[in-house]
Amino acid sequence: MEELREKLQRFLQRNTNLSRRKAGEAIKSGRVKVNGRVITDPWLEIDSFSNVFLDNEKVNPRYEEKVVYAFHKPAGIITAMKDDRGRLTIADLVAGKIREKVFHVGRLDRDTEGLLLLTNDGNFANKIAHPSSEIEKTYIATIDDFLSEKELEILSKGVILEDGFKTSGARVRVLKKKEKSTIVELIIHEGHKREVREMFKVLNKRVLALKRTAIGGLNIDIVPKPGMIKRLNEEELSKIIKGDR
């Protein structure tokens, strides 16, 4: 889980009666302290542990309703809320579509498309991401070769990745065989970095395309097109935890 961070000017705007412009002016005029130090930079990044004072009175974060969104991440987009190299991020795609300050639960690598959860609820994020919850994630992978029954069995028992991580057994089934590739469905409950791609790499297979189609029992059909986002209701949230399909 990523620590919630935001610009000081935005924090003041959200948690006081100041407009964005007035918040910036207050900072530049030396009326704002962060952790006991006068700050004149409106773009200073603060986190949830920062103590902010305006005119020597503490500014407490206002209550923000806890929300969870389903987001269909397109391939080619960085799973991050900002990128120092200027690459397109998920934050760029959801800007203006949601008012809450959210973060992503887990990651999908840049080349992977699929279902991603965004939330401002740290407890929910921890529950979903923690390995002990064993919430299944479903992927559709296109592989650059055929998969034998023996290779499917190897994946189902778990493999040791290049970095030494031992995966739990995956549920794997072949969906379609093409002339030079195979499309498979793979279900795992871990979130190790690039796990699906690395699993096939152990078998000397290359993943040509990868899409996450479900988290627990929540299917990507709820946001069918890349870039779509939807706030989840209680019934939809329960599908993630319970895994009902």
C-alpha atoms as a PDB file:
ATOM      1  CA  MET A   1       0.000   0.000   0.000  1.00  0.00           C
ATOM      2  CA  GLU A   2       1.246   3.473  -0.838  1.00  0.00           C
ATOM      3  CA  GLU A   3       1.254   6.220   1.761  1.00  0.00           C
ATOM      4  CA  LEU A   4      -1.251   8.939   0.921  1.00  0.00           C
ATOM      5  CA  ARG A   5       0.607  12.040  -0.231  1.00  0.00           C
ATOM      6  CA  GLU A   6      -0.584  15.363  -1.596  1.00  0.00           C
ATOM      7  CA  LYS A   7       0.553  18.900  -2.240  1.00  0.00           C
ATOM      8  CA  LEU A   8       0.348  21.310   0.705  1.00  0.00           C
ATOM      9  CA  GLN A   9      -1.819  23.763  -1.236  1.00  0.00           C
ATOM     10  CA  ARG A  10      -4.309  21.011  -2.072  1.00  0.00           C
ATOM     11  CA  PHE A  11      -4.372  19.885   1.563  1.00  0.00           C
ATOM     12  CA  LEU A  12      -5.267  23.392   2.736  1.00  0.00           C
ATOM     13  CA  GLN A  13      -7.913  23.776   0.080  1.00  0.00           C
ATOM     14  CA  ARG A  14      -9.555  20.489   1.079  1.00  0.00           C
ATOM     15  CA  ASN A  15      -9.429  21.011   4.822  1.00  0.00           C
ATOM     16  CA  THR A  16     -10.091  24.741   5.287  1.00  0.00           C
ATOM     17  CA  ASN A  17     -12.480  27.290   3.803  1.00  0.00           C
ATOM     18  CA  LEU A  18      -9.711  28.716   1.633  1.00  0.00           C
ATOM     19  CA  SER A  19      -9.933  28.604  -2.134  1.00  0.00           C
ATOM     20  CA  ARG A  20      -7.041  27.131  -4.078  1.00  0.00           C
ATOM     21  CA  ARG A  21      -5.681  30.612  -4.805  1.00  0.00           C
ATOM     22  CA  LYS A  22      -6.083  31.815  -1.215  1.00  0.00           C
ATOM     23  CA  ALA A  23      -4.418  28.646   0.080  1.00  0.00           C
ATOM     24  CA  GLY A  24      -1.427  29.314  -2.159  1.00  0.00           C
ATOM     25  CA  GLU A  25      -1.227  32.912  -0.999  1.00  0.00           C
ATOM     26  CA  ALA A  26      -1.355  31.869   2.666  1.00  0.00           C
ATOM     27  CA  ILE A  27       1.580  29.519   2.145  1.00  0.00           C
ATOM     28  CA  LYS A  28       3.689  32.017   0.220  1.00  0.00           C
ATOM     29  CA  SER A  29       3.109  34.694   2.867  1.00  0.00           C
ATOM     30  CA  GLY A  30       4.554  32.476   5.611  1.00  0.00           C
ATOM     31  CA  ARG A  31       1.326  31.747   7.468  1.00  0.00           C
ATOM     32  CA  VAL A  32       1.713  27.958   7.224  1.00  0.00           C
ATOM     33  CA  LYS A  33       3.934  25.613   9.224  1.00  0.00           C
ATOM     34  CA  VAL A  34       4.558  21.929   8.593  1.00  0.00           C
ATOM     35  CA  ASN A  35       6.028  19.948  11.465  1.00  0.00           C
ATOM     36  CA  GLY A  36       7.015  23.185  13.199  1.00  0.00           C
ATOM     37  CA  ARG A  37       8.751  24.754  10.195  1.00  0.00           C
ATOM     38  CA  VAL A  38       7.444  27.670   8.132  1.00  0.00           C
ATOM     39  CA  ILE A  39       6.815  26.521   4.569  1.00  0.00           C
ATOM     40  CA  THR A  40       6.438  28.890   1.622  1.00  0.00           C
ATOM     41  CA  ASP A  41       6.306  26.283  -1.155  1.00  0.00           C
ATOM     42  CA  PRO A  42       2.682  25.433  -2.115  1.00  0.00           C
ATOM     43  CA  TRP A  43       3.884  22.350  -3.982  1.00  0.00           C
ATOM     44  CA  LEU A  44       5.568  20.753  -0.994  1.00  0.00           C
ATOM     45  CA  GLU A  45       4.414  17.141  -0.684  1.00  0.00           C
ATOM     46  CA  ILE A  46       3.049  16.133   2.709  1.00  0.00           C
ATOM     47  CA  ASP A  47       1.736  12.819   3.988  1.00  0.00           C
ATOM     48  CA  SER A  48      -0.804  11.684   6.577  1.00  0.00           C
ATOM     49  CA  PHE A  49       1.791  12.021   9.361  1.00  0.00           C
ATOM     50  CA  SER A  50       2.468  15.716   8.661  1.00  0.00           C
ATOM     51  CA  ASN A  51       1.292  18.292  11.208  1.00  0.00           C
ATOM     52  CA  VAL A  52       0.042  21.380   9.388  1.00  0.00           C
ATOM     53  CA  PHE A  53      -0.696  24.705  11.090  1.00  0.00           C
ATOM     54  CA  LEU A  54      -2.348  27.762   9.559  1.00  0.00           C
ATOM     55  CA  ASP A  55      -1.921  30.969  11.567  1.00  0.00           C
ATOM     56  CA  ASN A  56      -0.703  28.759  14.457  1.00  0.00           C
ATOM     57  CA  GLU A  57      -3.902  26.675  14.461  1.00  0.00           C
ATOM     58  CA  LYS A  58      -3.672  23.014  13.524  1.00  0.00           C
ATOM     59  CA  VAL A  59      -5.420  21.991  10.329  1.00  0.00           C
ATOM     60  CA  ASN A  60      -7.057  18.600  10.776  1.00  0.00           C
ATOM     61  CA  PRO A  61      -8.039  16.507   7.753  1.00  0.00           C
ATOM     62  CA  ARG A  62     -11.758  16.552   7.202  1.00  0.00           C
ATOM     63  CA  TYR A  63     -13.584  13.251   7.124  1.00  0.00           C
ATOM     64  CA  GLU A  64     -13.613  11.696   3.681  1.00  0.00           C
ATOM     65  CA  GLU A  65     -16.003   8.887   2.872  1.00  0.00           C
ATOM     66  CA  LYS A  66     -14.247   5.589   2.205  1.00  0.00           C
ATOM     67  CA  VAL A  67     -14.624   4.505  -1.392  1.00  0.00           C
ATOM     68  CA  VAL A  68     -13.441   1.737  -3.711  1.00  0.00           C
ATOM     69  CA  TYR A  69     -13.368   2.030  -7.483  1.00  0.00           C
ATOM     70  CA  ALA A  70     -12.913  -0.615 -10.156  1.00  0.00           C
ATOM     71  CA  PHE A  71     -10.656   0.640 -12.932  1.00  0.00           C
ATOM     72  CA  HIS A  72      -9.880  -1.008 -16.262  1.00  0.00           C
ATOM     73  CA  LYS A  73      -6.192  -0.238 -16.708  1.00  0.00           C
ATOM     74  CA  PRO A  74      -5.118  -0.109 -20.353  1.00  0.00           C
ATOM     75  CA  ALA A  75      -1.840  -1.653 -21.456  1.00  0.00           C
ATOM     76  CA  GLY A  76       1.004   0.841 -21.733  1.00  0.00           C
ATOM     77  CA  ILE A  77       0.024   2.802 -18.620  1.00  0.00           C
ATOM     78  CA  ILE A  78       2.126   2.978 -15.445  1.00  0.00           C
ATOM     79  CA  THR A  79       0.417   1.803 -12.250  1.00  0.00           C
ATOM     80  CA  ALA A  80       1.304   4.870 -10.211  1.00  0.00           C
ATOM     81  CA  MET A  81      -0.252   8.129  -9.106  1.00  0.00           C
ATOM     82  CA  LYS A  82       2.728  10.069 -10.486  1.00  0.00           C
ATOM     83  CA  ASP A  83       5.867   9.351 -12.489  1.00  0.00           C
ATOM     84  CA  ASP A  84       9.116  11.321 -12.262  1.00  0.00           C
ATOM     85  CA  ARG A  85       9.917  10.415 -15.878  1.00  0.00           C
ATOM     86  CA  GLY A  86       6.728  11.968 -17.210  1.00  0.00           C
ATOM     87  CA  ARG A  87       5.145   8.742 -18.386  1.00  0.00           C
ATOM     88  CA  LEU A  88       1.360   8.360 -18.513  1.00  0.00           C
ATOM     89  CA  THR A  89      -0.043   7.000 -15.237  1.00  0.00           C
ATOM     90  CA  ILE A  90      -3.392   5.759 -14.001  1.00  0.00           C
ATOM     91  CA  ALA A  91      -3.760   9.085 -12.164  1.00  0.00           C
ATOM     92  CA  ASP A  92      -3.740  10.846 -15.544  1.00  0.00           C
ATOM     93  CA  LEU A  93      -6.617   8.665 -16.745  1.00  0.00           C
ATOM     94  CA  VAL A  94      -8.858   9.051 -13.690  1.00  0.00           C
ATOM     95  CA  ALA A  95      -8.240  12.786 -13.228  1.00  0.00           C
ATOM     96  CA  GLY A  96     -11.566  14.576 -13.114  1.00  0.00           C
ATOM     97  CA  LYS A  97     -13.531  11.335 -12.831  1.00  0.00           C
ATOM     98  CA  ILE A  98     -13.299  10.953  -9.045  1.00  0.00           C
ATOM     99  CA  ARG A  99     -13.093  13.586  -6.320  1.00  0.00           C
ATOM    100  CA  GLU A 100     -11.479  11.494  -3.567  1.00  0.00           C
ATOM    101  CA  LYS A 101      -7.708  11.112  -3.227  1.00  0.00           C
ATOM    102  CA  VAL A 102      -7.199   7.424  -3.915  1.00  0.00           C
ATOM    103  CA  PHE A 103      -4.296   5.029  -4.356  1.00  0.00           C
ATOM    104  CA  HIS A 104      -4.017   1.711  -6.154  1.00  0.00           C
ATOM    105  CA  VAL A 105      -4.324  -1.654  -4.424  1.00  0.00           C
ATOM    106  CA  GLY A 106      -1.448  -3.743  -5.735  1.00  0.00           C
ATOM    107  CA  ARG A 107      -0.034  -3.243  -9.209  1.00  0.00           C
ATOM    108  CA  LEU A 108      -0.256  -4.314 -12.816  1.00  0.00           C
ATOM    109  CA  ASP A 109       2.936  -3.910 -14.817  1.00  0.00           C
ATOM    110  CA  ARG A 110       3.045  -1.411 -17.646  1.00  0.00           C
ATOM    111  CA  ASP A 111       2.294  -3.916 -20.415  1.00  0.00           C
ATOM    112  CA  THR A 112      -0.553  -5.632 -18.555  1.00  0.00           C
ATOM    113  CA  GLU A 113      -4.177  -4.657 -19.035  1.00  0.00           C
ATOM    114  CA  GLY A 114      -6.988  -5.343 -16.636  1.00  0.00           C
ATOM    115  CA  LEU A 115      -8.904  -4.894 -13.430  1.00  0.00           C
ATOM    116  CA  LEU A 116      -7.341  -2.678 -10.779  1.00  0.00           C
ATOM    117  CA  LEU A 117      -8.831  -1.382  -7.532  1.00  0.00           C
ATOM    118  CA  LEU A 118      -8.459   2.224  -6.377  1.00  0.00           C
ATOM    119  CA  THR A 119      -9.374   3.298  -2.847  1.00  0.00           C
ATOM    120  CA  ASN A 120      -8.766   5.750  -0.010  1.00  0.00           C
ATOM    121  CA  ASP A 121      -9.398   3.023   2.580  1.00  0.00           C
ATOM    122  CA  GLY A 122      -6.114   1.708   3.972  1.00  0.00           C
ATOM    123  CA  ASN A 123      -7.741  -1.099   5.956  1.00  0.00           C
ATOM    124  CA  PHE A 124      -9.525  -2.395   2.876  1.00  0.00           C
ATOM    125  CA  ALA A 125      -6.333  -2.191   0.827  1.00  0.00           C
ATOM    126  CA  ASN A 126      -4.371  -4.140   3.427  1.00  0.00           C
ATOM    127  CA  LYS A 127      -7.013  -6.838   3.578  1.00  0.00           C
ATOM    128  CA  ILE A 128      -7.081  -7.263  -0.184  1.00  0.00           C
ATOM    129  CA  ALA A 129      -3.309  -7.150  -0.673  1.00  0.00           C
ATOM    130  CA  HIS A 130      -2.191  -9.257   2.295  1.00  0.00           C
ATOM    131  CA  PRO A 131      -1.212 -12.821   1.288  1.00  0.00           C
ATOM    132  CA  SER A 132      -3.162 -14.313   4.207  1.00  0.00           C
ATOM    133  CA  SER A 133      -6.431 -13.181   2.595  1.00  0.00           C
ATOM    134  CA  GLU A 134      -5.702 -15.456  -0.377  1.00  0.00           C
ATOM    135  CA  ILE A 135      -7.984 -13.458  -2.657  1.00  0.00           C
ATOM    136  CA  GLU A 136      -7.745 -14.974  -6.115  1.00  0.00           C
ATOM    137  CA  LYS A 137      -6.754 -12.973  -9.181  1.00  0.00           C
ATOM    138  CA  THR A 138      -7.688 -14.294 -12.604  1.00  0.00           C
ATOM    139  CA  TYR A 139      -5.572 -13.633 -15.691  1.00  0.00           C
ATOM    140  CA  ILE A 140      -5.835 -14.405 -19.381  1.00  0.00           C
ATOM    141  CA  ALA A 141      -2.387 -14.869 -20.902  1.00  0.00           C
ATOM    142  CA  THR A 142      -1.328 -15.352 -24.492  1.00  0.00           C
ATOM    143  CA  ILE A 143       1.856 -17.438 -24.621  1.00  0.00           C
ATOM    144  CA  ASP A 144       4.272 -17.630 -27.559  1.00  0.00           C
ATOM    145  CA  ASP A 145       4.293 -21.452 -27.608  1.00  0.00           C
ATOM    146  CA  PHE A 146       2.304 -24.554 -26.805  1.00  0.00           C
ATOM    147  CA  LEU A 147       1.848 -25.756 -23.229  1.00  0.00           C
ATOM    148  CA  SER A 148       2.126 -29.461 -22.567  1.00  0.00           C
ATOM    149  CA  GLU A 149       0.146 -31.306 -19.917  1.00  0.00           C
ATOM    150  CA  LYS A 150       3.370 -31.665 -17.943  1.00  0.00           C
ATOM    151  CA  GLU A 151       3.965 -27.905 -18.021  1.00  0.00           C
ATOM    152  CA  LEU A 152       0.411 -27.233 -16.875  1.00  0.00           C
ATOM    153  CA  GLU A 153       0.996 -29.629 -13.995  1.00  0.00           C
ATOM    154  CA  ILE A 154       4.228 -27.839 -13.054  1.00  0.00           C
ATOM    155  CA  LEU A 155       2.374 -24.521 -12.841  1.00  0.00           C
ATOM    156  CA  SER A 156      -0.410 -26.097 -10.803  1.00  0.00           C
ATOM    157  CA  LYS A 157       2.106 -27.276  -8.208  1.00  0.00           C
ATOM    158  CA  GLY A 158       4.032 -24.013  -7.978  1.00  0.00           C
ATOM    159  CA  VAL A 159       7.397 -22.970  -9.363  1.00  0.00           C
ATOM    160  CA  ILE A 160      10.519 -21.241  -8.072  1.00  0.00           C
ATOM    161  CA  LEU A 161      11.051 -17.922  -9.831  1.00  0.00           C
ATOM    162  CA  GLU A 162      14.426 -16.437 -10.767  1.00  0.00           C
ATOM    163  CA  ASP A 163      14.506 -14.328  -7.606  1.00  0.00           C
ATOM    164  CA  GLY A 164      13.953 -17.410  -5.446  1.00  0.00           C
ATOM    165  CA  PHE A 165      10.267 -16.818  -4.687  1.00  0.00           C
ATOM    166  CA  LYS A 166       8.241 -20.046  -4.549  1.00  0.00           C
ATOM    167  CA  THR A 167       4.749 -19.594  -5.954  1.00  0.00           C
ATOM    168  CA  SER A 168       1.721 -21.384  -4.633  1.00  0.00           C
ATOM    169  CA  GLY A 169      -0.044 -23.739  -6.974  1.00  0.00           C
ATOM    170  CA  ALA A 170      -1.986 -22.016  -9.743  1.00  0.00           C
ATOM    171  CA  ARG A 171      -5.210 -23.108 -11.381  1.00  0.00           C
ATOM    172  CA  VAL A 172      -4.479 -23.203 -15.094  1.00  0.00           C
ATOM    173  CA  ARG A 173      -6.523 -24.198 -18.112  1.00  0.00           C
ATOM    174  CA  VAL A 174      -6.004 -23.836 -21.838  1.00  0.00           C
ATOM    175  CA  LEU A 175      -8.675 -21.704 -23.484  1.00  0.00           C
ATOM    176  CA  LYS A 176      -7.473 -21.798 -27.067  1.00  0.00           C
ATOM    177  CA  LYS A 177      -4.611 -23.182 -29.107  1.00  0.00           C
ATOM    178  CA  LYS A 178      -3.430 -21.192 -32.104  1.00  0.00           C
ATOM    179  CA  GLU A 179      -0.837 -21.955 -34.738  1.00  0.00           C
ATOM    180  CA  LYS A 180       2.030 -20.342 -32.844  1.00  0.00           C
ATOM    181  CA  SER A 181       0.543 -19.438 -29.472  1.00  0.00           C
ATOM    182  CA  THR A 182      -1.698 -20.579 -26.648  1.00  0.00           C
ATOM    183  CA  ILE A 183      -4.286 -18.651 -24.658  1.00  0.00           C
ATOM    184  CA  VAL A 184      -4.625 -19.778 -21.058  1.00  0.00           C
ATOM    185  CA  GLU A 185      -6.554 -18.762 -17.962  1.00  0.00           C
ATOM    186  CA  LEU A 186      -4.477 -18.662 -14.800  1.00  0.00           C
ATOM    187  CA  ILE A 187      -5.741 -18.077 -11.257  1.00  0.00           C
ATOM    188  CA  ILE A 188      -3.372 -17.194  -8.413  1.00  0.00           C
ATOM    189  CA  HIS A 189      -3.795 -15.527  -5.023  1.00  0.00           C
ATOM    190  CA  GLU A 190      -0.374 -13.902  -4.653  1.00  0.00           C
ATOM    191  CA  GLY A 191       0.847 -10.523  -5.813  1.00  0.00           C
ATOM    192  CA  HIS A 192       4.555 -11.076  -6.375  1.00  0.00           C
ATOM    193  CA  LYS A 193       6.160  -8.655  -8.831  1.00  0.00           C
ATOM    194  CA  ARG A 194       5.472  -9.715 -12.449  1.00  0.00           C
ATOM    195  CA  GLU A 195       4.496 -13.115 -11.082  1.00  0.00           C
ATOM    196  CA  VAL A 196       2.538 -14.430 -14.062  1.00  0.00           C
ATOM    197  CA  ARG A 197       5.182 -13.429 -16.581  1.00  0.00           C
ATOM    198  CA  GLU A 198       7.940 -14.849 -14.390  1.00  0.00           C
ATOM    199  CA  MET A 199       6.063 -18.138 -13.938  1.00  0.00           C
ATOM    200  CA  PHE A 200       5.967 -18.738 -17.681  1.00  0.00           C
ATOM    201  CA  LYS A 201       9.569 -17.586 -17.983  1.00  0.00           C
ATOM    202  CA  VAL A 202      10.548 -20.559 -15.813  1.00  0.00           C
ATOM    203  CA  LEU A 203       9.069 -22.758 -18.566  1.00  0.00           C
ATOM    204  CA  ASN A 204      10.983 -20.794 -21.236  1.00  0.00           C
ATOM    205  CA  LYS A 205       7.726 -19.282 -22.480  1.00  0.00           C
ATOM    206  CA  ARG A 206       7.141 -15.619 -23.267  1.00  0.00           C
ATOM    207  CA  VAL A 207       3.911 -13.823 -22.446  1.00  0.00           C
ATOM    208  CA  LEU A 208       2.730 -11.916 -25.501  1.00  0.00           C
ATOM    209  CA  ALA A 209      -0.325 -10.367 -23.850  1.00  0.00           C
ATOM    210  CA  LEU A 210      -1.669 -10.389 -20.314  1.00  0.00           C
ATOM    211  CA  LYS A 211      -4.982  -9.229 -18.883  1.00  0.00           C
ATOM    212  CA  ARG A 212      -6.352  -9.465 -15.340  1.00  0.00           C
ATOM    213  CA  THR A 213     -10.013 -10.320 -15.671  1.00  0.00           C
ATOM    214  CA  ALA A 214     -11.124 -10.762 -12.059  1.00  0.00           C
ATOM    215  CA  ILE A 215     -10.264 -10.042  -8.428  1.00  0.00           C
ATOM    216  CA  GLY A 216     -12.067 -12.519  -6.215  1.00  0.00           C
ATOM    217  CA  GLY A 217     -15.526 -12.760  -7.740  1.00  0.00           C
ATOM    218  CA  LEU A 218     -15.484  -9.255  -9.188  1.00  0.00           C
ATOM    219  CA  ASN A 219     -15.230  -9.543 -12.974  1.00  0.00           C
ATOM    220  CA  ILE A 220     -13.799  -6.952 -15.324  1.00  0.00           C
ATOM    221  CA  ASP A 221     -17.157  -6.902 -17.135  1.00  0.00           C
ATOM    222  CA  ILE A 222     -18.117  -4.233 -14.594  1.00  0.00           C
ATOM    223  CA  VAL A 223     -15.696  -1.893 -16.432  1.00  0.00           C
ATOM    224  CA  PRO A 224     -15.570  -3.563 -19.857  1.00  0.00           C
ATOM    225  CA  LYS A 225     -13.528  -0.997 -21.783  1.00  0.00           C
ATOM    226  CA  PRO A 226      -9.965   0.205 -21.063  1.00  0.00           C
ATOM    227  CA  GLY A 227     -10.009   3.477 -19.124  1.00  0.00           C
ATOM    228  CA  MET A 228     -13.452   2.902 -17.608  1.00  0.00           C
ATOM    229  CA  ILE A 229     -13.948   3.444 -13.865  1.00  0.00           C
ATOM    230  CA  LYS A 230     -16.854   2.617 -11.555  1.00  0.00           C
ATOM    231  CA  ARG A 231     -17.472   3.190  -7.873  1.00  0.00           C
ATOM    232  CA  LEU A 232     -18.316  -0.127  -6.228  1.00  0.00           C
ATOM    233  CA  ASN A 233     -21.370  -0.684  -4.047  1.00  0.00           C
ATOM    234  CA  GLU A 234     -21.565  -3.045  -1.075  1.00  0.00           C
ATOM    235  CA  GLU A 235     -22.784  -5.991  -3.148  1.00  0.00           C
ATOM    236  CA  GLU A 236     -19.921  -5.590  -5.591  1.00  0.00           C
ATOM    237  CA  LEU A 237     -17.401  -5.214  -2.766  1.00  0.00           C
ATOM    238  CA  SER A 238     -18.655  -8.432  -1.195  1.00  0.00           C
ATOM    239  CA  LYS A 239     -17.782 -10.306  -4.396  1.00  0.00           C
ATOM    240  CA  ILE A 240     -14.121  -9.397  -3.921  1.00  0.00           C
ATOM    241  CA  ILE A 241     -13.926 -10.665  -0.370  1.00  0.00           C
ATOM    242  CA  LYS A 242     -16.142 -13.729  -0.734  1.00  0.00           C
ATOM    243  CA  GLY A 243     -15.058 -14.593  -4.269  1.00  0.00           C
ATOM    244  CA  ASP A 244     -18.592 -15.308  -5.431  1.00  0.00           C
ATOM    245  CA  ARG A 245     -18.836 -15.745  -9.184  1.00  0.00           C
END
